[in-house]
Amino acid sequence: MSKGRSRIPFETGKVTIHSLSAFAVDDVEITKGTKVPIVIKVYMSNSAGIY
């Protein structure tokens, strides 16, 4: 996942819940965890990214 991966559907006029939720994701960070093997942090600019 990366910021702007839904740019093409938006530019072509195909706006769906999938492209909207992808558009809300700004960054994803994967790090080594202490209590679990990995920690995944997702940074969003809009709550639509929860979908």
Protein backbone atom coordinates (compact mmCIF):
# COMPACT_ATOMS: atom_id res chain seq x y z
CA MET A 1 0.00 0.00 0.00
CA SER A 2 1.23 3.40 -0.75
CA LYS A 3 -0.07 6.92 -0.81
CA GLY A 4 -1.83 7.80 -4.04
CA ARG A 5 -2.36 4.25 -5.32
CA SER A 6 -6.00 5.10 -6.01
CA ARG A 7 -5.09 8.19 -8.03
CA ILE A 8 -5.80 6.53 -11.41
CA PRO A 9 -9.40 5.47 -10.58
CA PHE A 10 -10.13 8.99 -9.32
CA GLU A 11 -8.67 10.60 -12.44
CA THR A 12 -10.72 8.32 -14.73
CA GLY A 13 -13.91 9.08 -12.80
CA LYS A 14 -14.31 5.59 -11.31
CA VAL A 15 -14.89 6.39 -7.65
CA THR A 16 -15.84 3.35 -5.55
CA ILE A 17 -15.61 2.52 -1.86
CA HIS A 18 -12.41 0.61 -2.66
CA SER A 19 -10.67 3.54 -4.35
CA LEU A 20 -11.98 5.92 -1.69
CA SER A 21 -10.62 3.79 1.16
CA ALA A 22 -7.28 3.37 -0.63
CA PHE A 23 -7.09 7.15 -1.15
CA ALA A 24 -7.37 7.66 2.64
CA VAL A 25 -4.18 5.69 3.40
CA ASP A 26 -1.17 8.01 3.71
CA ASP A 27 1.50 5.61 4.94
CA VAL A 28 2.06 2.09 6.28
CA GLU A 29 4.87 1.32 8.69
CA ILE A 30 5.97 -2.26 9.53
CA THR A 31 8.36 -2.71 12.45
CA LYS A 32 9.62 -5.47 14.71
CA GLY A 33 7.37 -5.94 17.72
CA THR A 34 8.25 -6.70 21.33
CA LYS A 35 5.15 -8.65 22.42
CA VAL A 36 4.19 -9.80 18.92
CA PRO A 37 6.46 -10.60 15.93
CA ILE A 38 5.59 -7.47 13.91
CA VAL A 39 3.72 -4.20 14.41
CA ILE A 40 1.81 -2.65 11.53
CA LYS A 41 0.88 1.03 11.76
CA VAL A 42 -1.44 2.53 9.15
CA TYR A 43 -1.66 6.31 8.93
CA MET A 44 -4.87 7.64 7.38
CA SER A 45 -6.15 11.08 6.45
CA ASN A 46 -9.79 9.98 6.44
CA SER A 47 -11.87 7.40 8.29
CA ALA A 48 -12.92 5.86 4.95
CA GLY A 49 -9.63 3.97 5.07
CA ILE A 50 -11.08 1.70 7.74
CA TYR A 51 -13.14 -0.03 5.07
